[in-house]
Amino acid sequence: MSEPGWKAGDRSTEQARGRAESAAIEAVLTVATEPVPPGLLAELLELPVEQVERLCRELQAAYEADGRGFTLRRVAGGYRFQSSDTYAAYVERFVLDGGPQKLSPAALETLAVVAYKQPISRSQISAIRGVNVESVMRMLVARGYVQAVGRDEGPGQPILFGTTSMFLERLGLDSIDDLPPLVAFVPPASTVEMLENVLRSEPGE
């Protein structure tokens, strides 16, 4: 039995409105070239931010339940469509075969230093890597992964660099805080000791 004062048409109208709002989000994100902040989506749809966040979560769940080749992710402070992790191998093959030139190992190492130590100056990066990073930094800035974020208060006031929203977008991160901790890449002390003993031992011992 229906609740007092509740009409069947009200439910269908509410469902239709929800579908239209979700479709509007899809339409905006389809043409967006960068992640769209939830506040902007709320402004465009004239809805509360909390409702937009809920609709985005529902869309993401629906795509994953359907096994789609794409999903909706929150990255760099906004929402965007990106390929599903399930089909990462196909996307990687496409990128390697027909995409832009990959970053060199030197560029990747420099970018990692900036990401984890930012804000940081060129001289500090060079000291960590043990090589001159001038040309690599120019390339990373030109690619849009690194940008100037201020100046050091020390002698000479060198420019300090940090990563950009494009960097977060390419890695599928919402903020720098989502980077994996460095400890995940550092072997335990026992492993380091074992390696040192092996490397220091003479051949044939």
Protein backbone atom coordinates (compact mmCIF):
# COMPACT_ATOMS: atom_id res chain seq x y z
CA MET A 1 0.00 0.00 0.00
CA SER A 2 1.29 3.44 -0.87
CA GLU A 3 2.22 5.86 1.89
CA PRO A 4 -0.38 8.58 2.63
CA GLY A 5 0.06 11.53 0.31
CA TRP A 6 2.55 9.67 -1.88
CA LYS A 7 1.78 9.35 -5.55
CA ALA A 8 3.36 6.79 -7.85
CA GLY A 9 4.05 9.54 -10.35
CA ASP A 10 6.16 11.40 -7.80
CA ARG A 11 8.62 8.52 -7.60
CA SER A 12 8.95 8.22 -11.38
CA THR A 13 9.39 11.97 -11.68
CA GLU A 14 12.16 11.94 -9.08
CA GLN A 15 13.91 9.04 -10.84
CA ALA A 16 13.66 10.83 -14.19
CA ARG A 17 15.14 13.97 -12.65
CA GLY A 18 18.02 11.94 -11.19
CA ARG A 19 18.74 10.34 -14.56
CA ALA A 20 18.72 13.75 -16.24
CA GLU A 21 21.13 15.16 -13.65
CA SER A 22 23.49 12.20 -14.08
CA ALA A 23 23.30 12.56 -17.86
CA ALA A 24 24.16 16.25 -17.54
CA ILE A 25 27.27 15.36 -15.54
CA GLU A 26 28.25 12.83 -18.21
CA ALA A 27 27.75 15.41 -20.96
CA VAL A 28 29.97 17.98 -19.24
CA LEU A 29 32.74 15.50 -18.41
CA THR A 30 32.70 14.12 -21.95
CA VAL A 31 33.81 17.45 -23.42
CA ALA A 32 36.04 18.54 -20.52
CA THR A 33 39.79 18.44 -21.17
CA GLU A 34 40.67 18.69 -17.46
CA PRO A 35 39.11 17.33 -14.25
CA VAL A 36 35.98 19.32 -13.39
CA PRO A 37 35.71 20.39 -9.72
CA PRO A 38 32.49 19.29 -7.98
CA GLY A 39 31.77 22.93 -7.11
CA LEU A 40 31.68 23.84 -10.80
CA LEU A 41 29.44 20.88 -11.61
CA ALA A 42 27.12 21.95 -8.80
CA GLU A 43 27.01 25.48 -10.21
CA LEU A 44 26.27 24.25 -13.73
CA LEU A 45 23.52 21.89 -12.61
CA GLU A 46 22.21 24.27 -9.92
CA LEU A 47 22.51 21.51 -7.30
CA PRO A 48 24.16 21.24 -3.87
CA VAL A 49 27.77 20.02 -3.99
CA GLU A 50 26.85 17.06 -1.78
CA GLN A 51 24.25 15.92 -4.31
CA VAL A 52 26.74 16.20 -7.17
CA GLU A 53 29.25 14.13 -5.18
CA ARG A 54 26.56 11.48 -4.60
CA LEU A 55 25.60 11.38 -8.28
CA CYS A 56 29.25 10.98 -9.27
CA ARG A 57 29.69 8.09 -6.83
CA GLU A 58 26.56 6.43 -8.22
CA LEU A 59 27.84 6.82 -11.79
CA GLN A 60 31.19 5.34 -10.84
CA ALA A 61 29.51 2.37 -9.16
CA ALA A 62 27.24 1.82 -12.18
CA TYR A 63 30.17 1.84 -14.64
CA GLU A 64 32.10 -0.66 -12.52
CA ALA A 65 29.05 -2.90 -12.09
CA ASP A 66 28.53 -2.93 -15.87
CA GLY A 67 32.19 -3.80 -16.49
CA ARG A 68 32.70 -0.75 -18.70
CA GLY A 69 36.07 0.05 -20.27
CA PHE A 70 36.01 3.44 -18.57
CA THR A 71 35.16 4.80 -15.16
CA LEU A 72 34.63 8.07 -13.35
CA ARG A 73 37.46 9.11 -11.05
CA ARG A 74 38.18 12.03 -8.76
CA VAL A 75 41.67 13.30 -9.60
CA ALA A 76 43.45 16.63 -9.11
CA GLY A 77 40.48 17.99 -7.17
CA GLY A 78 37.87 17.23 -9.82
CA TYR A 79 36.08 14.49 -11.75
CA ARG A 80 36.98 13.05 -15.13
CA PHE A 81 36.50 9.95 -17.23
CA GLN A 82 39.46 7.61 -17.51
CA SER A 83 40.10 4.08 -18.70
CA SER A 84 39.40 1.16 -16.38
CA ASP A 85 42.37 -0.50 -14.68
CA THR A 86 41.08 -3.82 -15.99
CA TYR A 87 42.11 -2.83 -19.52
CA ALA A 88 45.37 -1.09 -18.61
CA ALA A 89 47.41 -3.46 -20.78
CA TYR A 90 45.52 -2.42 -23.94
CA VAL A 91 45.79 1.26 -23.10
CA GLU A 92 49.51 0.89 -22.39
CA ARG A 93 50.00 -0.84 -25.75
CA PHE A 94 48.16 2.00 -27.50
CA VAL A 95 50.17 4.68 -25.70
CA LEU A 96 53.50 3.02 -26.39
CA ASP A 97 52.73 2.37 -30.03
CA GLY A 98 51.03 5.59 -31.00
CA GLY A 99 51.32 8.06 -28.15
CA PRO A 100 53.79 10.83 -27.44
CA GLN A 101 57.42 10.15 -26.57
CA LYS A 102 57.89 8.63 -23.14
CA LEU A 103 59.83 10.32 -20.37
CA SER A 104 63.42 9.15 -20.03
CA PRO A 105 64.62 7.44 -16.84
CA ALA A 106 66.47 10.66 -15.92
CA ALA A 107 63.28 12.69 -16.33
CA LEU A 108 61.26 10.20 -14.29
CA GLU A 109 63.84 10.26 -11.49
CA THR A 110 63.86 14.06 -11.46
CA LEU A 111 60.07 14.20 -11.48
CA ALA A 112 59.96 11.79 -8.53
CA VAL A 113 62.36 14.00 -6.56
CA VAL A 114 60.19 17.05 -7.23
CA ALA A 115 57.00 15.18 -6.29
CA TYR A 116 58.29 13.93 -2.95
CA LYS A 117 60.50 16.89 -1.91
CA GLN A 118 58.52 19.88 -3.21
CA PRO A 119 58.91 22.78 -3.00
CA ILE A 120 62.51 22.30 -4.12
CA SER A 121 65.11 24.24 -6.12
CA ARG A 122 67.13 23.08 -9.12
CA SER A 123 70.34 23.02 -7.07
CA GLN A 124 68.70 20.85 -4.41
CA ILE A 125 67.46 18.43 -7.08
CA SER A 126 70.94 18.30 -8.63
CA ALA A 127 72.45 17.58 -5.20
CA ILE A 128 70.06 14.69 -4.63
CA ARG A 129 70.54 13.18 -8.09
CA GLY A 130 74.23 13.96 -8.36
CA VAL A 131 73.90 15.41 -11.88
CA ASN A 132 72.95 18.69 -13.52
CA VAL A 133 69.17 18.75 -14.04
CA GLU A 134 68.83 22.04 -15.91
CA SER A 135 67.80 20.56 -19.26
CA VAL A 136 65.58 17.90 -17.70
CA MET A 137 63.77 20.51 -15.61
CA ARG A 138 63.16 22.67 -18.69
CA MET A 139 61.62 19.67 -20.42
CA LEU A 140 59.39 18.79 -17.43
CA VAL A 141 58.18 22.39 -17.23
CA ALA A 142 57.48 22.40 -20.98
CA ARG A 143 55.54 19.14 -20.68
CA GLY A 144 53.38 20.67 -17.94
CA TYR A 145 54.38 18.29 -15.13
CA VAL A 146 56.42 20.80 -13.09
CA GLN A 147 55.96 24.50 -12.39
CA ALA A 148 57.53 27.32 -10.36
CA VAL A 149 55.71 27.67 -7.04
CA GLY A 150 57.75 30.38 -5.30
CA ARG A 151 61.23 31.43 -4.23
CA ASP A 152 63.48 30.26 -1.44
CA GLU A 153 64.15 32.81 1.28
CA GLY A 154 67.83 31.83 1.34
CA PRO A 155 70.79 33.42 -0.52
CA GLY A 156 69.98 34.24 -4.13
CA GLN A 157 66.32 33.35 -3.60
CA PRO A 158 66.34 30.45 -6.09
CA ILE A 159 63.09 29.43 -7.75
CA LEU A 160 61.25 26.59 -6.03
CA PHE A 161 59.43 23.98 -8.10
CA GLY A 162 56.47 21.68 -7.50
CA THR A 163 54.24 19.37 -9.49
CA THR A 164 51.17 20.52 -11.41
CA SER A 165 47.56 19.43 -11.61
CA MET A 166 48.45 17.69 -14.89
CA PHE A 167 50.91 15.54 -12.97
CA LEU A 168 48.15 14.53 -10.56
CA GLU A 169 45.76 13.92 -13.43
CA ARG A 170 48.17 11.65 -15.31
CA LEU A 171 48.83 9.61 -12.17
CA GLY A 172 45.15 9.45 -11.25
CA LEU A 173 45.68 11.18 -7.90
CA ASP A 174 43.45 13.68 -6.17
CA SER A 175 46.31 15.35 -4.27
CA ILE A 176 50.01 14.94 -3.49
CA ASP A 177 48.97 13.34 -0.21
CA ASP A 178 47.82 10.33 -2.25
CA LEU A 179 51.37 9.51 -3.39
CA PRO A 180 52.52 6.15 -2.01
CA PRO A 181 54.87 6.52 0.98
CA LEU A 182 58.56 6.30 0.19
CA VAL A 183 58.94 3.46 2.65
CA ALA A 184 57.07 1.28 0.16
CA PHE A 185 60.08 1.54 -2.17
CA VAL A 186 62.82 1.13 0.45
CA PRO A 187 63.92 -2.46 1.24
CA PRO A 188 64.11 -3.49 4.91
CA ALA A 189 67.42 -3.15 6.78
CA SER A 190 68.02 -6.92 6.67
CA THR A 191 67.83 -6.90 2.87
CA VAL A 192 70.20 -3.93 2.60
CA GLU A 193 72.68 -5.67 4.91
CA MET A 194 72.51 -8.86 2.87
CA LEU A 195 73.13 -6.99 -0.36
CA GLU A 196 76.08 -5.12 1.15
CA ASN A 197 77.64 -8.38 2.34
CA VAL A 198 77.20 -9.97 -1.08
CA LEU A 199 78.64 -6.98 -2.93
CA ARG A 200 81.59 -6.66 -0.59
CA SER A 201 82.55 -10.34 -0.70
CA GLU A 202 85.33 -11.43 -3.01
CA PRO A 203 84.48 -13.71 -5.96
CA GLY A 204 84.89 -17.34 -5.04
CA GLU A 205 84.52 -16.82 -1.30
